[in-house]
Amino acid sequence: MEKIKSAPSAMDAVPEAVQKKSGQLAESGENYLETILVIKERRSNGRVRAVDIANELKLSKPSVSRGLSLLKEKDLIQIGIAGDIEFTPEGRKLAESIFKRHQYLTVFFKSVAGVPSDVAESDACRVEHILSEKTMNGIIRYLNEHNLV
């Protein structure tokens, strides 16, 4: 096996299952919040309904409805009589935080790793849910120090 400078050896590496961050939502819940935010930003009227999320994520409406129910139970969103989805203050704050992670990671993958935009975007969407705060802060610090954001 090729040795990579400054990387842990096979003796030191500790593979582990990816765990949900303590006190945080599952990846699907974070994806729903981020998707709601993105759709709201794209639309002049800011209206988002479950069917919009289902279409955007290519999921069934029943699956999205269940996910939205969980977000509602956690007091992150409210669903109006007409089906319009609105953030609670806590929900908006969390959605913006998730999207910000996505943006920083996309820039990092494109600018530092030289990954094509479409791959950087796709990978950022997956990685944003599992990185620790410490690692994310390190990436943000690196991007800022090198004037990449």
N, C-alpha and C. Protein backbone atom coordinates (compact mmCIF):
# COMPACT_ATOMS: atom_id res chain seq x y z
N MET A 1 0.85 -1.17 0.00
CA MET A 1 0.00 0.00 0.00
C MET A 1 0.89 1.24 0.00
N GLU A 2 0.54 2.21 -0.83
CA GLU A 2 1.31 3.45 -0.92
C GLU A 2 1.16 4.26 0.36
N LYS A 3 2.28 4.78 0.84
CA LYS A 3 2.25 5.61 2.05
C LYS A 3 1.96 7.06 1.65
N ILE A 4 1.02 7.67 2.34
CA ILE A 4 0.66 9.07 2.10
C ILE A 4 1.20 9.89 3.25
N LYS A 5 2.03 10.88 2.91
CA LYS A 5 2.68 11.72 3.91
C LYS A 5 1.65 12.34 4.86
N SER A 6 1.90 12.28 6.15
CA SER A 6 1.07 12.87 7.21
C SER A 6 -0.29 12.20 7.39
N ALA A 7 -0.51 11.07 6.75
CA ALA A 7 -1.79 10.36 6.90
C ALA A 7 -1.61 9.24 7.92
N PRO A 8 -2.68 8.84 8.61
CA PRO A 8 -2.54 7.72 9.55
C PRO A 8 -2.20 6.43 8.80
N SER A 9 -1.41 5.60 9.44
CA SER A 9 -1.10 4.30 8.84
C SER A 9 -2.29 3.38 9.08
N ALA A 10 -2.24 2.20 8.48
CA ALA A 10 -3.30 1.22 8.68
C ALA A 10 -3.39 0.84 10.16
N MET A 11 -2.28 0.91 10.87
CA MET A 11 -2.28 0.57 12.30
C MET A 11 -2.97 1.65 13.13
N ASP A 12 -2.93 2.90 12.65
CA ASP A 12 -3.48 4.02 13.41
C ASP A 12 -4.90 4.39 13.00
N ALA A 13 -5.29 4.03 11.79
CA ALA A 13 -6.60 4.42 11.27
C ALA A 13 -7.69 3.71 12.04
N VAL A 14 -8.78 4.42 12.29
CA VAL A 14 -9.91 3.84 13.02
C VAL A 14 -11.17 4.02 12.19
N PRO A 15 -11.51 3.01 11.38
CA PRO A 15 -12.76 3.11 10.62
C PRO A 15 -13.95 3.07 11.58
N GLU A 16 -14.94 3.87 11.28
CA GLU A 16 -16.14 3.87 12.13
C GLU A 16 -17.35 4.17 11.28
N ALA A 17 -18.48 3.71 11.74
CA ALA A 17 -19.73 4.00 11.04
C ALA A 17 -20.02 5.49 11.18
N VAL A 18 -20.64 6.06 10.16
CA VAL A 18 -21.00 7.47 10.22
C VAL A 18 -22.17 7.62 11.18
N GLN A 19 -21.97 8.42 12.19
CA GLN A 19 -22.99 8.66 13.19
C GLN A 19 -23.67 10.00 12.95
N LYS A 20 -24.94 10.07 13.33
CA LYS A 20 -25.65 11.34 13.28
C LYS A 20 -25.02 12.27 14.30
N LYS A 21 -24.83 13.54 13.92
CA LYS A 21 -24.28 14.50 14.86
C LYS A 21 -25.22 14.63 16.05
N SER A 22 -24.65 14.68 17.22
CA SER A 22 -25.43 14.74 18.45
C SER A 22 -26.41 15.90 18.44
N GLY A 23 -27.69 15.59 18.70
CA GLY A 23 -28.70 16.62 18.80
C GLY A 23 -29.16 17.19 17.47
N GLN A 24 -28.65 16.66 16.39
CA GLN A 24 -28.98 17.20 15.08
C GLN A 24 -29.99 16.31 14.36
N LEU A 25 -30.46 16.82 13.25
CA LEU A 25 -31.39 16.09 12.40
C LEU A 25 -30.65 15.02 11.61
N ALA A 26 -31.41 14.07 11.13
CA ALA A 26 -30.86 13.11 10.17
C ALA A 26 -30.60 13.85 8.86
N GLU A 27 -29.82 13.24 7.99
CA GLU A 27 -29.48 13.86 6.71
C GLU A 27 -30.72 14.25 5.91
N SER A 28 -31.74 13.40 5.91
CA SER A 28 -32.95 13.70 5.13
C SER A 28 -33.63 14.97 5.65
N GLY A 29 -33.69 15.14 6.96
CA GLY A 29 -34.31 16.33 7.52
C GLY A 29 -33.53 17.59 7.14
N GLU A 30 -32.21 17.48 7.18
CA GLU A 30 -31.38 18.61 6.77
C GLU A 30 -31.59 18.91 5.29
N ASN A 31 -31.71 17.86 4.47
CA ASN A 31 -31.96 18.07 3.04
C ASN A 31 -33.29 18.77 2.80
N TYR A 32 -34.31 18.40 3.55
CA TYR A 32 -35.62 19.05 3.39
C TYR A 32 -35.51 20.53 3.75
N LEU A 33 -34.87 20.84 4.87
CA LEU A 33 -34.73 22.25 5.26
C LEU A 33 -33.97 23.05 4.21
N GLU A 34 -32.88 22.48 3.73
CA GLU A 34 -32.08 23.17 2.72
C GLU A 34 -32.88 23.36 1.43
N THR A 35 -33.63 22.35 1.06
CA THR A 35 -34.44 22.42 -0.17
C THR A 35 -35.53 23.47 -0.04
N ILE A 36 -36.17 23.53 1.09
CA ILE A 36 -37.19 24.56 1.33
C ILE A 36 -36.57 25.94 1.15
N LEU A 37 -35.41 26.15 1.76
CA LEU A 37 -34.73 27.44 1.67
C LEU A 37 -34.39 27.78 0.23
N VAL A 38 -33.84 26.83 -0.51
CA VAL A 38 -33.43 27.07 -1.89
C VAL A 38 -34.64 27.40 -2.77
N ILE A 39 -35.72 26.65 -2.61
CA ILE A 39 -36.93 26.91 -3.41
C ILE A 39 -37.49 28.29 -3.06
N LYS A 40 -37.53 28.62 -1.77
CA LYS A 40 -38.03 29.94 -1.36
C LYS A 40 -37.21 31.06 -2.01
N GLU A 41 -35.89 30.88 -2.05
CA GLU A 41 -35.01 31.89 -2.64
C GLU A 41 -35.21 32.03 -4.15
N ARG A 42 -35.51 30.94 -4.80
CA ARG A 42 -35.69 30.95 -6.26
C ARG A 42 -36.99 31.63 -6.69
N ARG A 43 -37.99 31.54 -5.85
CA ARG A 43 -39.32 32.02 -6.22
C ARG A 43 -39.58 33.42 -5.71
N SER A 44 -40.18 34.23 -6.56
CA SER A 44 -40.48 35.61 -6.16
C SER A 44 -41.51 35.66 -5.04
N ASN A 45 -42.45 34.70 -5.03
CA ASN A 45 -43.47 34.71 -3.98
C ASN A 45 -43.05 33.91 -2.75
N GLY A 46 -41.94 33.17 -2.84
CA GLY A 46 -41.43 32.42 -1.70
C GLY A 46 -42.27 31.24 -1.26
N ARG A 47 -43.27 30.88 -2.05
CA ARG A 47 -44.16 29.77 -1.67
C ARG A 47 -43.49 28.42 -1.92
N VAL A 48 -43.60 27.56 -0.93
CA VAL A 48 -43.09 26.19 -1.04
C VAL A 48 -44.14 25.26 -0.45
N ARG A 49 -44.43 24.19 -1.21
CA ARG A 49 -45.35 23.16 -0.72
C ARG A 49 -44.65 21.81 -0.81
N ALA A 50 -45.23 20.81 -0.20
CA ALA A 50 -44.62 19.47 -0.17
C ALA A 50 -44.35 18.95 -1.57
N VAL A 51 -45.25 19.19 -2.50
CA VAL A 51 -45.07 18.70 -3.86
C VAL A 51 -43.82 19.32 -4.51
N ASP A 52 -43.51 20.56 -4.16
CA ASP A 52 -42.32 21.22 -4.70
C ASP A 52 -41.05 20.52 -4.21
N ILE A 53 -41.05 20.14 -2.95
CA ILE A 53 -39.90 19.45 -2.37
C ILE A 53 -39.77 18.05 -2.99
N ALA A 54 -40.90 17.36 -3.13
CA ALA A 54 -40.90 16.04 -3.75
C ALA A 54 -40.33 16.11 -5.17
N ASN A 55 -40.76 17.10 -5.93
CA ASN A 55 -40.25 17.26 -7.30
C ASN A 55 -38.77 17.58 -7.32
N GLU A 56 -38.35 18.47 -6.45
CA GLU A 56 -36.94 18.90 -6.41
C GLU A 56 -36.01 17.74 -6.04
N LEU A 57 -36.42 16.95 -5.05
CA LEU A 57 -35.58 15.86 -4.56
C LEU A 57 -35.86 14.53 -5.24
N LYS A 58 -36.86 14.53 -6.13
CA LYS A 58 -37.27 13.31 -6.84
C LYS A 58 -37.65 12.20 -5.85
N LEU A 59 -38.51 12.58 -4.91
CA LEU A 59 -39.02 11.66 -3.90
C LEU A 59 -40.53 11.60 -4.00
N SER A 60 -41.12 10.59 -3.39
CA SER A 60 -42.58 10.50 -3.40
C SER A 60 -43.15 11.54 -2.43
N LYS A 61 -44.35 12.00 -2.75
CA LYS A 61 -45.01 12.97 -1.88
C LYS A 61 -45.26 12.39 -0.48
N PRO A 62 -45.68 11.11 -0.35
CA PRO A 62 -45.85 10.57 1.01
C PRO A 62 -44.56 10.58 1.84
N SER A 63 -43.43 10.29 1.19
CA SER A 63 -42.15 10.33 1.91
C SER A 63 -41.85 11.73 2.40
N VAL A 64 -42.07 12.71 1.53
CA VAL A 64 -41.81 14.10 1.89
C VAL A 64 -42.78 14.54 2.98
N SER A 65 -44.03 14.15 2.87
CA SER A 65 -45.02 14.52 3.89
C SER A 65 -44.61 14.00 5.27
N ARG A 66 -44.09 12.78 5.30
CA ARG A 66 -43.63 12.20 6.57
C ARG A 66 -42.44 13.00 7.11
N GLY A 67 -41.50 13.31 6.24
CA GLY A 67 -40.34 14.09 6.65
C GLY A 67 -40.73 15.46 7.16
N LEU A 68 -41.68 16.10 6.49
CA LEU A 68 -42.14 17.41 6.91
C LEU A 68 -42.84 17.34 8.26
N SER A 69 -43.56 16.25 8.49
CA SER A 69 -44.23 16.07 9.79
C SER A 69 -43.20 16.03 10.92
N LEU A 70 -42.08 15.36 10.66
CA LEU A 70 -41.03 15.29 11.68
C LEU A 70 -40.41 16.67 11.93
N LEU A 71 -40.23 17.45 10.86
CA LEU A 71 -39.70 18.81 11.02
C LEU A 71 -40.69 19.69 11.79
N LYS A 72 -41.96 19.46 11.54
CA LYS A 72 -43.00 20.22 12.24
C LYS A 72 -42.99 19.84 13.73
N GLU A 73 -42.85 18.56 14.02
CA GLU A 73 -42.79 18.09 15.41
C GLU A 73 -41.60 18.70 16.15
N LYS A 74 -40.51 18.92 15.44
CA LYS A 74 -39.32 19.51 16.03
C LYS A 74 -39.39 21.04 16.06
N ASP A 75 -40.54 21.58 15.63
CA ASP A 75 -40.79 23.02 15.62
C ASP A 75 -39.79 23.79 14.75
N LEU A 76 -39.48 23.19 13.58
CA LEU A 76 -38.57 23.84 12.62
C LEU A 76 -39.34 24.46 11.46
N ILE A 77 -40.54 23.95 11.21
CA ILE A 77 -41.40 24.50 10.16
C ILE A 77 -42.84 24.55 10.65
N GLN A 78 -43.64 25.33 9.92
CA GLN A 78 -45.08 25.35 10.12
C GLN A 78 -45.70 25.14 8.74
N ILE A 79 -46.82 24.45 8.71
CA ILE A 79 -47.50 24.20 7.44
C ILE A 79 -48.88 24.84 7.53
N GLY A 80 -49.13 25.79 6.62
CA GLY A 80 -50.39 26.52 6.61
C GLY A 80 -51.53 25.69 6.06
N ILE A 81 -52.73 26.21 6.17
CA ILE A 81 -53.93 25.53 5.70
C ILE A 81 -53.84 25.21 4.21
N ALA A 82 -53.28 26.11 3.42
CA ALA A 82 -53.15 25.90 1.97
C ALA A 82 -51.94 25.03 1.63
N GLY A 83 -51.21 24.54 2.64
CA GLY A 83 -50.06 23.68 2.41
C GLY A 83 -48.74 24.42 2.27
N ASP A 84 -48.76 25.74 2.44
CA ASP A 84 -47.52 26.52 2.35
C ASP A 84 -46.64 26.21 3.56
N ILE A 85 -45.36 26.03 3.29
CA ILE A 85 -44.40 25.71 4.34
C ILE A 85 -43.64 26.97 4.71
N GLU A 86 -43.61 27.26 6.00
CA GLU A 86 -42.87 28.41 6.53
C GLU A 86 -41.91 27.93 7.60
N PHE A 87 -40.78 28.58 7.69
CA PHE A 87 -39.81 28.27 8.73
C PHE A 87 -40.22 28.91 10.05
N THR A 88 -39.89 28.24 11.14
CA THR A 88 -39.88 28.91 12.43
C THR A 88 -38.52 29.63 12.47
N PRO A 89 -38.31 30.55 13.41
CA PRO A 89 -37.00 31.20 13.48
C PRO A 89 -35.84 30.19 13.61
N GLU A 90 -36.04 29.17 14.45
CA GLU A 90 -35.02 28.13 14.62
C GLU A 90 -34.81 27.35 13.33
N GLY A 91 -35.89 27.04 12.62
CA GLY A 91 -35.80 26.30 11.37
C GLY A 91 -35.05 27.07 10.30
N ARG A 92 -35.33 28.36 10.20
CA ARG A 92 -34.63 29.20 9.20
C ARG A 92 -33.14 29.26 9.53
N LYS A 93 -32.83 29.44 10.79
CA LYS A 93 -31.43 29.52 11.20
C LYS A 93 -30.69 28.23 10.84
N LEU A 94 -31.31 27.09 11.10
CA LEU A 94 -30.69 25.80 10.80
C LEU A 94 -30.57 25.61 9.29
N ALA A 95 -31.60 25.95 8.52
CA ALA A 95 -31.56 25.81 7.06
C ALA A 95 -30.45 26.67 6.47
N GLU A 96 -30.31 27.88 6.95
CA GLU A 96 -29.26 28.78 6.44
C GLU A 96 -27.88 28.24 6.79
N SER A 97 -27.74 27.66 7.97
CA SER A 97 -26.47 27.07 8.39
C SER A 97 -26.09 25.89 7.49
N ILE A 98 -27.05 25.04 7.20
CA ILE A 98 -26.81 23.89 6.34
C ILE A 98 -26.42 24.35 4.94
N PHE A 99 -27.14 25.33 4.42
CA PHE A 99 -26.85 25.82 3.07
C PHE A 99 -25.47 26.49 3.02
N LYS A 100 -25.11 27.20 4.08
CA LYS A 100 -23.80 27.85 4.14
C LYS A 100 -22.69 26.80 4.10
N ARG A 101 -22.88 25.70 4.83
CA ARG A 101 -21.91 24.59 4.79
C ARG A 101 -21.77 24.09 3.35
N HIS A 102 -22.90 23.92 2.70
CA HIS A 102 -22.93 23.45 1.31
C HIS A 102 -22.12 24.40 0.41
N GLN A 103 -22.34 25.68 0.58
CA GLN A 103 -21.64 26.67 -0.25
C GLN A 103 -20.13 26.63 -0.01
N TYR A 104 -19.73 26.62 1.25
CA TYR A 104 -18.30 26.59 1.56
C TYR A 104 -17.64 25.32 1.01
N LEU A 105 -18.30 24.19 1.19
CA LEU A 105 -17.72 22.93 0.71
C LEU A 105 -17.62 22.92 -0.81
N THR A 106 -18.61 23.46 -1.49
CA THR A 106 -18.56 23.52 -2.95
C THR A 106 -17.35 24.34 -3.40
N VAL A 107 -17.15 25.50 -2.77
CA VAL A 107 -16.00 26.35 -3.10
C VAL A 107 -14.70 25.60 -2.80
N PHE A 108 -14.64 24.94 -1.66
CA PHE A 108 -13.43 24.20 -1.28
C PHE A 108 -13.10 23.12 -2.31
N PHE A 109 -14.09 22.33 -2.68
CA PHE A 109 -13.86 21.25 -3.63
C PHE A 109 -13.45 21.78 -5.00
N LYS A 110 -14.07 22.87 -5.43
CA LYS A 110 -13.73 23.45 -6.74
C LYS A 110 -12.38 24.15 -6.71
N SER A 111 -12.18 25.02 -5.73
CA SER A 111 -11.00 25.88 -5.72
C SER A 111 -9.74 25.21 -5.20
N VAL A 112 -9.88 24.34 -4.22
CA VAL A 112 -8.71 23.72 -3.61
C VAL A 112 -8.43 22.35 -4.25
N ALA A 113 -9.46 21.55 -4.39
CA ALA A 113 -9.27 20.20 -4.93
C ALA A 113 -9.34 20.16 -6.45
N GLY A 114 -9.81 21.25 -7.07
CA GLY A 114 -9.88 21.31 -8.53
C GLY A 114 -10.92 20.39 -9.14
N VAL A 115 -11.97 20.14 -8.39
CA VAL A 115 -13.04 19.25 -8.84
C VAL A 115 -14.00 20.04 -9.74
N PRO A 116 -14.52 19.43 -10.80
CA PRO A 116 -15.50 20.13 -11.65
C PRO A 116 -16.73 20.57 -10.84
N SER A 117 -17.34 21.65 -11.26
CA SER A 117 -18.47 22.24 -10.52
C SER A 117 -19.58 21.26 -10.20
N ASP A 118 -19.99 20.45 -11.18
CA ASP A 118 -21.11 19.54 -10.93
C ASP A 118 -20.76 18.49 -9.89
N VAL A 119 -19.54 17.99 -9.90
CA VAL A 119 -19.11 17.00 -8.91
C VAL A 119 -18.95 17.67 -7.54
N ALA A 120 -18.37 18.86 -7.53
CA ALA A 120 -18.19 19.59 -6.27
C ALA A 120 -19.54 19.85 -5.61
N GLU A 121 -20.52 20.25 -6.40
CA GLU A 121 -21.87 20.52 -5.89
C GLU A 121 -22.50 19.26 -5.31
N SER A 122 -22.42 18.18 -6.05
CA SER A 122 -23.01 16.91 -5.63
C SER A 122 -22.34 16.38 -4.36
N ASP A 123 -21.01 16.40 -4.35
CA ASP A 123 -20.28 15.90 -3.17
C ASP A 123 -20.53 16.78 -1.95
N ALA A 124 -20.58 18.09 -2.15
CA ALA A 124 -20.84 19.01 -1.03
C ALA A 124 -22.19 18.69 -0.39
N CYS A 125 -23.15 18.35 -1.22
CA CYS A 125 -24.50 18.03 -0.72
C CYS A 125 -24.49 16.81 0.19
N ARG A 126 -23.61 15.87 -0.09
CA ARG A 126 -23.54 14.68 0.75
C ARG A 126 -22.66 14.91 1.98
N VAL A 127 -21.53 15.56 1.79
CA VAL A 127 -20.56 15.72 2.87
C VAL A 127 -21.01 16.71 3.94
N GLU A 128 -21.80 17.69 3.56
CA GLU A 128 -22.20 18.74 4.50
C GLU A 128 -22.89 18.19 5.75
N HIS A 129 -23.44 17.02 5.65
CA HIS A 129 -24.22 16.45 6.76
C HIS A 129 -23.37 15.69 7.77
N ILE A 130 -22.13 15.36 7.41
CA ILE A 130 -21.36 14.49 8.30
C ILE A 130 -20.11 15.13 8.89
N LEU A 131 -19.66 16.24 8.32
CA LEU A 131 -18.45 16.87 8.85
C LEU A 131 -18.69 17.47 10.23
N SER A 132 -17.70 17.34 11.07
CA SER A 132 -17.80 17.95 12.41
C SER A 132 -17.69 19.46 12.28
N GLU A 133 -18.10 20.15 13.33
CA GLU A 133 -17.98 21.61 13.36
C GLU A 133 -16.52 22.02 13.27
N LYS A 134 -15.64 21.28 13.96
CA LYS A 134 -14.21 21.61 13.94
C LYS A 134 -13.64 21.53 12.52
N THR A 135 -13.97 20.47 11.81
CA THR A 135 -13.47 20.33 10.44
C THR A 135 -14.06 21.41 9.54
N MET A 136 -15.35 21.66 9.69
CA MET A 136 -16.00 22.69 8.87
C MET A 136 -15.38 24.05 9.15
N ASN A 137 -15.15 24.36 10.41
CA ASN A 137 -14.52 25.64 10.76
C ASN A 137 -13.11 25.73 10.19
N GLY A 138 -12.38 24.62 10.16
CA GLY A 138 -11.05 24.60 9.56
C GLY A 138 -11.11 24.90 8.07
N ILE A 139 -12.08 24.33 7.37
CA ILE A 139 -12.25 24.58 5.94
C ILE A 139 -12.61 26.05 5.70
N ILE A 140 -13.52 26.57 6.49
CA ILE A 140 -13.91 27.99 6.35
C ILE A 140 -12.72 28.89 6.61
N ARG A 141 -11.95 28.58 7.66
CA ARG A 141 -10.77 29.38 7.98
C ARG A 141 -9.77 29.35 6.80
N TYR A 142 -9.53 28.17 6.24
CA TYR A 142 -8.62 28.03 5.10
C TYR A 142 -9.10 28.87 3.92
N LEU A 143 -10.39 28.78 3.60
CA LEU A 143 -10.94 29.54 2.48
C LEU A 143 -10.79 31.05 2.71
N ASN A 144 -11.05 31.48 3.93
CA ASN A 144 -10.91 32.91 4.25
C ASN A 144 -9.45 33.36 4.19
N GLU A 145 -8.55 32.56 4.76
CA GLU A 145 -7.13 32.92 4.76
C GLU A 145 -6.55 33.01 3.35
N HIS A 146 -7.12 32.23 2.43
CA HIS A 146 -6.62 32.23 1.05
C HIS A 146 -7.51 33.06 0.11
N ASN A 147 -8.38 33.88 0.71
CA ASN A 147 -9.26 34.78 -0.05
C ASN A 147 -10.05 34.05 -1.15
N LEU A 148 -10.58 32.88 -0.80
CA LEU A 148 -11.35 32.11 -1.76
C LEU A 148 -12.86 32.29 -1.59
N VAL A 149 -13.24 32.99 -0.54
CA VAL A 149 -14.67 33.32 -0.33
C VAL A 149 -14.81 34.80 -0.03
